[in-house]
Amino acid sequence: QFIQRQRALALWRKILRSSTGITDAATKKDMRQFARAEFEQHKHVTDLTGKTQFDTMKGTLINAGLLQ
């Protein structure tokens, strides 16, 4: 559980760092809200043996253009 939490926090930090490159304030706010909504949607996940939902959330954020 500790490792999953650390991975989620690292992803969150990467999202915030990536969003600092967005110059339009409204777009930056929208992207951060979208990322937060994804985290909220997946906060109930307790699957510690696999990383399927974590990778799904990360893939969604990449497809949204928030992560590289």
PDB file of N, CA and C in Angstrom:
ATOM      1  N   GLN A   1       0.828  -1.191   0.000  1.00  0.00           N
ATOM      2  CA  GLN A   1       0.000   0.000   0.000  1.00  0.00           C
ATOM      3  C   GLN A   1       0.869   1.251   0.000  1.00  0.00           C
ATOM      4  N   PHE A   2       1.971   1.207   0.720  1.00  0.00           N
ATOM      5  CA  PHE A   2       2.881   2.344   0.766  1.00  0.00           C
ATOM      6  C   PHE A   2       3.435   2.664  -0.619  1.00  0.00           C
ATOM      7  N   ILE A   3       3.799   1.626  -1.362  1.00  0.00           N
ATOM      8  CA  ILE A   3       4.366   1.823  -2.700  1.00  0.00           C
ATOM      9  C   ILE A   3       3.323   2.405  -3.644  1.00  0.00           C
ATOM     10  N   GLN A   4       2.098   1.919  -3.581  1.00  0.00           N
ATOM     11  CA  GLN A   4       1.036   2.456  -4.428  1.00  0.00           C
ATOM     12  C   GLN A   4       0.797   3.932  -4.119  1.00  0.00           C
ATOM     13  N   ARG A   5       0.813   4.275  -2.850  1.00  0.00           N
ATOM     14  CA  ARG A   5       0.610   5.665  -2.449  1.00  0.00           C
ATOM     15  C   ARG A   5       1.729   6.540  -2.994  1.00  0.00           C
ATOM     16  N   GLN A   6       2.951   6.055  -2.896  1.00  0.00           N
ATOM     17  CA  GLN A   6       4.091   6.814  -3.409  1.00  0.00           C
ATOM     18  C   GLN A   6       4.004   7.000  -4.918  1.00  0.00           C
ATOM     19  N   ARG A   7       3.556   5.964  -5.623  1.00  0.00           N
ATOM     20  CA  ARG A   7       3.393   6.075  -7.079  1.00  0.00           C
ATOM     21  C   ARG A   7       2.324   7.101  -7.420  1.00  0.00           C
ATOM     22  N   ALA A   8       1.230   7.091  -6.670  1.00  0.00           N
ATOM     23  CA  ALA A   8       0.152   8.053  -6.925  1.00  0.00           C
ATOM     24  C   ALA A   8       0.624   9.477  -6.646  1.00  0.00           C
ATOM     25  N   LEU A   9       1.359   9.679  -5.558  1.00  0.00           N
ATOM     26  CA  LEU A   9       1.873  11.007  -5.242  1.00  0.00           C
ATOM     27  C   LEU A   9       2.883  11.477  -6.285  1.00  0.00           C
ATOM     28  N   ALA A  10       3.716  10.569  -6.757  1.00  0.00           N
ATOM     29  CA  ALA A  10       4.690  10.926  -7.797  1.00  0.00           C
ATOM     30  C   ALA A  10       3.971  11.330  -9.082  1.00  0.00           C
ATOM     31  N   LEU A  11       2.901  10.615  -9.412  1.00  0.00           N
ATOM     32  CA  LEU A  11       2.123  10.964 -10.601  1.00  0.00           C
ATOM     33  C   LEU A  11       1.478  12.334 -10.425  1.00  0.00           C
ATOM     34  N   TRP A  12       0.930  12.596  -9.253  1.00  0.00           N
ATOM     35  CA  TRP A  12       0.304  13.894  -8.980  1.00  0.00           C
ATOM     36  C   TRP A  12       1.326  15.028  -9.128  1.00  0.00           C
ATOM     37  N   ARG A  13       2.515  14.836  -8.583  1.00  0.00           N
ATOM     38  CA  ARG A  13       3.564  15.859  -8.709  1.00  0.00           C
ATOM     39  C   ARG A  13       3.944  16.084 -10.167  1.00  0.00           C
ATOM     40  N   LYS A  14       4.017  14.996 -10.928  1.00  0.00           N
ATOM     41  CA  LYS A  14       4.359  15.106 -12.347  1.00  0.00           C
ATOM     42  C   LYS A  14       3.276  15.882 -13.099  1.00  0.00           C
ATOM     43  N   ILE A  15       2.032  15.652 -12.740  1.00  0.00           N
ATOM     44  CA  ILE A  15       0.914  16.373 -13.352  1.00  0.00           C
ATOM     45  C   ILE A  15       1.030  17.861 -13.059  1.00  0.00           C
ATOM     46  N   LEU A  16       1.270  18.198 -11.805  1.00  0.00           N
ATOM     47  CA  LEU A  16       1.388  19.609 -11.438  1.00  0.00           C
ATOM     48  C   LEU A  16       2.557  20.276 -12.149  1.00  0.00           C
ATOM     49  N   ARG A  17       3.672  19.579 -12.233  1.00  0.00           N
ATOM     50  CA  ARG A  17       4.828  20.141 -12.943  1.00  0.00           C
ATOM     51  C   ARG A  17       4.526  20.321 -14.421  1.00  0.00           C
ATOM     52  N   SER A  18       3.854  19.359 -15.008  1.00  0.00           N
ATOM     53  CA  SER A  18       3.519  19.445 -16.428  1.00  0.00           C
ATOM     54  C   SER A  18       2.565  20.596 -16.705  1.00  0.00           C
ATOM     55  N   SER A  19       1.657  20.831 -15.792  1.00  0.00           N
ATOM     56  CA  SER A  19       0.659  21.876 -16.012  1.00  0.00           C
ATOM     57  C   SER A  19       1.244  23.280 -15.862  1.00  0.00           C
ATOM     58  N   THR A  20       2.413  23.398 -15.249  1.00  0.00           N
ATOM     59  CA  THR A  20       3.008  24.732 -15.133  1.00  0.00           C
ATOM     60  C   THR A  20       3.443  25.269 -16.485  1.00  0.00           C
ATOM     61  N   GLY A  21       3.624  24.394 -17.457  1.00  0.00           N
ATOM     62  CA  GLY A  21       4.005  24.819 -18.798  1.00  0.00           C
ATOM     63  C   GLY A  21       2.847  25.366 -19.618  1.00  0.00           C
ATOM     64  N   ILE A  22       1.635  25.255 -19.109  1.00  0.00           N
ATOM     65  CA  ILE A  22       0.461  25.761 -19.824  1.00  0.00           C
ATOM     66  C   ILE A  22       0.342  27.250 -19.524  1.00  0.00           C
ATOM     67  N   THR A  23       0.376  28.054 -20.578  1.00  0.00           N
ATOM     68  CA  THR A  23       0.382  29.504 -20.384  1.00  0.00           C
ATOM     69  C   THR A  23      -1.003  30.076 -20.120  1.00  0.00           C
ATOM     70  N   ASP A  24      -2.022  29.514 -20.731  1.00  0.00           N
ATOM     71  CA  ASP A  24      -3.380  30.013 -20.532  1.00  0.00           C
ATOM     72  C   ASP A  24      -3.895  29.580 -19.164  1.00  0.00           C
ATOM     73  N   ALA A  25      -4.237  30.545 -18.330  1.00  0.00           N
ATOM     74  CA  ALA A  25      -4.652  30.259 -16.952  1.00  0.00           C
ATOM     75  C   ALA A  25      -5.906  29.393 -16.891  1.00  0.00           C
ATOM     76  N   ALA A  26      -6.852  29.648 -17.768  1.00  0.00           N
ATOM     77  CA  ALA A  26      -8.095  28.873 -17.760  1.00  0.00           C
ATOM     78  C   ALA A  26      -7.839  27.425 -18.148  1.00  0.00           C
ATOM     79  N   THR A  27      -6.997  27.217 -19.143  1.00  0.00           N
ATOM     80  CA  THR A  27      -6.669  25.856 -19.580  1.00  0.00           C
ATOM     81  C   THR A  27      -5.915  25.122 -18.485  1.00  0.00           C
ATOM     82  N   LYS A  28      -4.991  25.817 -17.839  1.00  0.00           N
ATOM     83  CA  LYS A  28      -4.231  25.213 -16.746  1.00  0.00           C
ATOM     84  C   LYS A  28      -5.169  24.778 -15.627  1.00  0.00           C
ATOM     85  N   LYS A  29      -6.110  25.635 -15.291  1.00  0.00           N
ATOM     86  CA  LYS A  29      -7.073  25.309 -14.230  1.00  0.00           C
ATOM     87  C   LYS A  29      -7.930  24.111 -14.627  1.00  0.00           C
ATOM     88  N   ASP A  30      -8.389  24.091 -15.891  1.00  0.00           N
ATOM     89  CA  ASP A  30      -9.206  22.980 -16.377  1.00  0.00           C
ATOM     90  C   ASP A  30      -8.445  21.660 -16.331  1.00  0.00           C
ATOM     91  N   MET A  31      -7.181  21.684 -16.739  1.00  0.00           N
ATOM     92  CA  MET A  31      -6.392  20.456 -16.747  1.00  0.00           C
ATOM     93  C   MET A  31      -6.158  19.940 -15.332  1.00  0.00           C
ATOM     94  N   ARG A  32      -5.898  20.858 -14.406  1.00  0.00           N
ATOM     95  CA  ARG A  32      -5.704  20.429 -13.010  1.00  0.00           C
ATOM     96  C   ARG A  32      -6.999  19.884 -12.419  1.00  0.00           C
ATOM     97  N   GLN A  33      -8.123  20.504 -12.765  1.00  0.00           N
ATOM     98  CA  GLN A  33      -9.411  20.002 -12.283  1.00  0.00           C
ATOM     99  C   GLN A  33      -9.708  18.629 -12.869  1.00  0.00           C
ATOM    100  N   PHE A  34      -9.367  18.443 -14.141  1.00  0.00           N
ATOM    101  CA  PHE A  34      -9.569  17.144 -14.784  1.00  0.00           C
ATOM    102  C   PHE A  34      -8.731  16.076 -14.081  1.00  0.00           C
ATOM    103  N   ALA A  35      -7.462  16.402 -13.816  1.00  0.00           N
ATOM    104  CA  ALA A  35      -6.582  15.447 -13.148  1.00  0.00           C
ATOM    105  C   ALA A  35      -7.106  15.121 -11.755  1.00  0.00           C
ATOM    106  N   ARG A  36      -7.554  16.135 -11.049  1.00  0.00           N
ATOM    107  CA  ARG A  36      -8.088  15.912  -9.698  1.00  0.00           C
ATOM    108  C   ARG A  36      -9.328  15.016  -9.753  1.00  0.00           C
ATOM    109  N   ALA A  37     -10.173  15.244 -10.746  1.00  0.00           N
ATOM    110  CA  ALA A  37     -11.374  14.422 -10.899  1.00  0.00           C
ATOM    111  C   ALA A  37     -10.998  12.962 -11.168  1.00  0.00           C
ATOM    112  N   GLU A  38      -9.944  12.748 -11.946  1.00  0.00           N
ATOM    113  CA  GLU A  38      -9.482  11.381 -12.198  1.00  0.00           C
ATOM    114  C   GLU A  38      -8.994  10.725 -10.907  1.00  0.00           C
ATOM    115  N   PHE A  39      -8.255  11.475 -10.113  1.00  0.00           N
ATOM    116  CA  PHE A  39      -7.790  10.940  -8.832  1.00  0.00           C
ATOM    117  C   PHE A  39      -8.974  10.640  -7.920  1.00  0.00           C
ATOM    118  N   GLU A  40      -9.931  11.544  -7.869  1.00  0.00           N
ATOM    119  CA  GLU A  40     -11.123  11.324  -7.032  1.00  0.00           C
ATOM    120  C   GLU A  40     -11.890  10.092  -7.501  1.00  0.00           C
ATOM    121  N   GLN A  41     -11.988   9.918  -8.808  1.00  0.00           N
ATOM    122  CA  GLN A  41     -12.720   8.779  -9.360  1.00  0.00           C
ATOM    123  C   GLN A  41     -12.051   7.457  -8.981  1.00  0.00           C
ATOM    124  N   HIS A  42     -10.744   7.458  -8.839  1.00  0.00           N
ATOM    125  CA  HIS A  42     -10.018   6.226  -8.560  1.00  0.00           C
ATOM    126  C   HIS A  42      -9.538   6.102  -7.114  1.00  0.00           C
ATOM    127  N   LYS A  43     -10.010   6.978  -6.235  1.00  0.00           N
ATOM    128  CA  LYS A  43      -9.515   6.938  -4.857  1.00  0.00           C
ATOM    129  C   LYS A  43      -9.956   5.695  -4.095  1.00  0.00           C
ATOM    130  N   HIS A  44     -10.986   5.034  -4.540  1.00  0.00           N
ATOM    131  CA  HIS A  44     -11.496   3.845  -3.858  1.00  0.00           C
ATOM    132  C   HIS A  44     -10.706   2.586  -4.191  1.00  0.00           C
ATOM    133  N   VAL A  45      -9.803   2.655  -5.127  1.00  0.00           N
ATOM    134  CA  VAL A  45      -9.082   1.481  -5.599  1.00  0.00           C
ATOM    135  C   VAL A  45      -8.188   0.940  -4.489  1.00  0.00           C
ATOM    136  N   THR A  46      -8.328  -0.342  -4.235  1.00  0.00           N
ATOM    137  CA  THR A  46      -7.521  -0.990  -3.204  1.00  0.00           C
ATOM    138  C   THR A  46      -6.717  -2.147  -3.769  1.00  0.00           C
ATOM    139  N   ASP A  47      -6.705  -2.300  -5.076  1.00  0.00           N
ATOM    140  CA  ASP A  47      -5.977  -3.382  -5.727  1.00  0.00           C
ATOM    141  C   ASP A  47      -4.480  -3.122  -5.623  1.00  0.00           C
ATOM    142  N   LEU A  48      -3.826  -3.796  -4.699  1.00  0.00           N
ATOM    143  CA  LEU A  48      -2.402  -3.584  -4.483  1.00  0.00           C
ATOM    144  C   LEU A  48      -1.547  -4.587  -5.238  1.00  0.00           C
ATOM    145  N   THR A  49      -2.161  -5.612  -5.805  1.00  0.00           N
ATOM    146  CA  THR A  49      -1.376  -6.625  -6.502  1.00  0.00           C
ATOM    147  C   THR A  49      -1.133  -6.257  -7.954  1.00  0.00           C
ATOM    148  N   GLY A  50      -2.031  -5.495  -8.543  1.00  0.00           N
ATOM    149  CA  GLY A  50      -1.867  -5.116  -9.935  1.00  0.00           C
ATOM    150  C   GLY A  50      -1.839  -3.616 -10.087  1.00  0.00           C
ATOM    151  N   LYS A  51      -1.521  -3.185 -11.283  1.00  0.00           N
ATOM    152  CA  LYS A  51      -1.464  -1.757 -11.515  1.00  0.00           C
ATOM    153  C   LYS A  51      -2.374  -1.357 -12.663  1.00  0.00           C
ATOM    154  N   THR A  52      -3.376  -2.154 -12.951  1.00  0.00           N
ATOM    155  CA  THR A  52      -4.242  -1.922 -14.092  1.00  0.00           C
ATOM    156  C   THR A  52      -4.967  -0.593 -14.011  1.00  0.00           C
ATOM    157  N   GLN A  53      -5.641  -0.307 -12.908  1.00  0.00           N
ATOM    158  CA  GLN A  53      -6.395   0.938 -12.809  1.00  0.00           C
ATOM    159  C   GLN A  53      -5.474   2.142 -12.724  1.00  0.00           C
ATOM    160  N   PHE A  54      -4.317   1.987 -12.086  1.00  0.00           N
ATOM    161  CA  PHE A  54      -3.348   3.072 -12.021  1.00  0.00           C
ATOM    162  C   PHE A  54      -2.879   3.422 -13.429  1.00  0.00           C
ATOM    163  N   ASP A  55      -2.549   2.408 -14.216  1.00  0.00           N
ATOM    164  CA  ASP A  55      -2.104   2.633 -15.584  1.00  0.00           C
ATOM    165  C   ASP A  55      -3.227   3.198 -16.446  1.00  0.00           C
ATOM    166  N   THR A  56      -4.468   2.787 -16.176  1.00  0.00           N
ATOM    167  CA  THR A  56      -5.605   3.326 -16.904  1.00  0.00           C
ATOM    168  C   THR A  56      -5.753   4.814 -16.642  1.00  0.00           C
ATOM    169  N   MET A  57      -5.649   5.212 -15.373  1.00  0.00           N
ATOM    170  CA  MET A  57      -5.756   6.628 -15.027  1.00  0.00           C
ATOM    171  C   MET A  57      -4.617   7.412 -15.664  1.00  0.00           C
ATOM    172  N   LYS A  58      -3.414   6.876 -15.598  1.00  0.00           N
ATOM    173  CA  LYS A  58      -2.263   7.548 -16.186  1.00  0.00           C
ATOM    174  C   LYS A  58      -2.449   7.678 -17.700  1.00  0.00           C
ATOM    175  N   GLY A  59      -2.949   6.637 -18.333  1.00  0.00           N
ATOM    176  CA  GLY A  59      -3.198   6.680 -19.780  1.00  0.00           C
ATOM    177  C   GLY A  59      -4.233   7.721 -20.146  1.00  0.00           C
ATOM    178  N   THR A  60      -5.253   7.850 -19.323  1.00  0.00           N
ATOM    179  CA  THR A  60      -6.280   8.869 -19.555  1.00  0.00           C
ATOM    180  C   THR A  60      -5.668  10.261 -19.502  1.00  0.00           C
ATOM    181  N   LEU A  61      -4.804  10.496 -18.541  1.00  0.00           N
ATOM    182  CA  LEU A  61      -4.153  11.793 -18.405  1.00  0.00           C
ATOM    183  C   LEU A  61      -3.188  12.058 -19.559  1.00  0.00           C
ATOM    184  N   ILE A  62      -2.525  11.030 -20.048  1.00  0.00           N
ATOM    185  CA  ILE A  62      -1.653  11.199 -21.200  1.00  0.00           C
ATOM    186  C   ILE A  62      -2.472  11.542 -22.435  1.00  0.00           C
ATOM    187  N   ASN A  63      -3.587  10.825 -22.633  1.00  0.00           N
ATOM    188  CA  ASN A  63      -4.446  11.089 -23.786  1.00  0.00           C
ATOM    189  C   ASN A  63      -5.072  12.481 -23.729  1.00  0.00           C
ATOM    190  N   ALA A  64      -5.259  12.994 -22.525  1.00  0.00           N
ATOM    191  CA  ALA A  64      -5.819  14.335 -22.377  1.00  0.00           C
ATOM    192  C   ALA A  64      -4.770  15.413 -22.635  1.00  0.00           C
ATOM    193  N   GLY A  65      -3.525  14.990 -22.781  1.00  0.00           N
ATOM    194  CA  GLY A  65      -2.459  15.928 -23.068  1.00  0.00           C
ATOM    195  C   GLY A  65      -1.829  16.546 -21.828  1.00  0.00           C
ATOM    196  N   LEU A  66      -2.149  16.007 -20.670  1.00  0.00           N
ATOM    197  CA  LEU A  66      -1.605  16.560 -19.438  1.00  0.00           C
ATOM    198  C   LEU A  66      -0.237  15.980 -19.109  1.00  0.00           C
ATOM    199  N   LEU A  67      -0.009  14.737 -19.498  1.00  0.00           N
ATOM    200  CA  LEU A  67       1.279  14.100 -19.256  1.00  0.00           C
ATOM    201  C   LEU A  67       1.931  13.751 -20.583  1.00  0.00           C
ATOM    202  N   GLN A  68       3.239  13.635 -20.550  1.00  0.00           N
ATOM    203  CA  GLN A  68       4.004  13.239 -21.753  1.00  0.00           C
ATOM    204  C   GLN A  68       4.217  11.757 -21.738  1.00  0.00           C
TER     205      GLN A  68
END
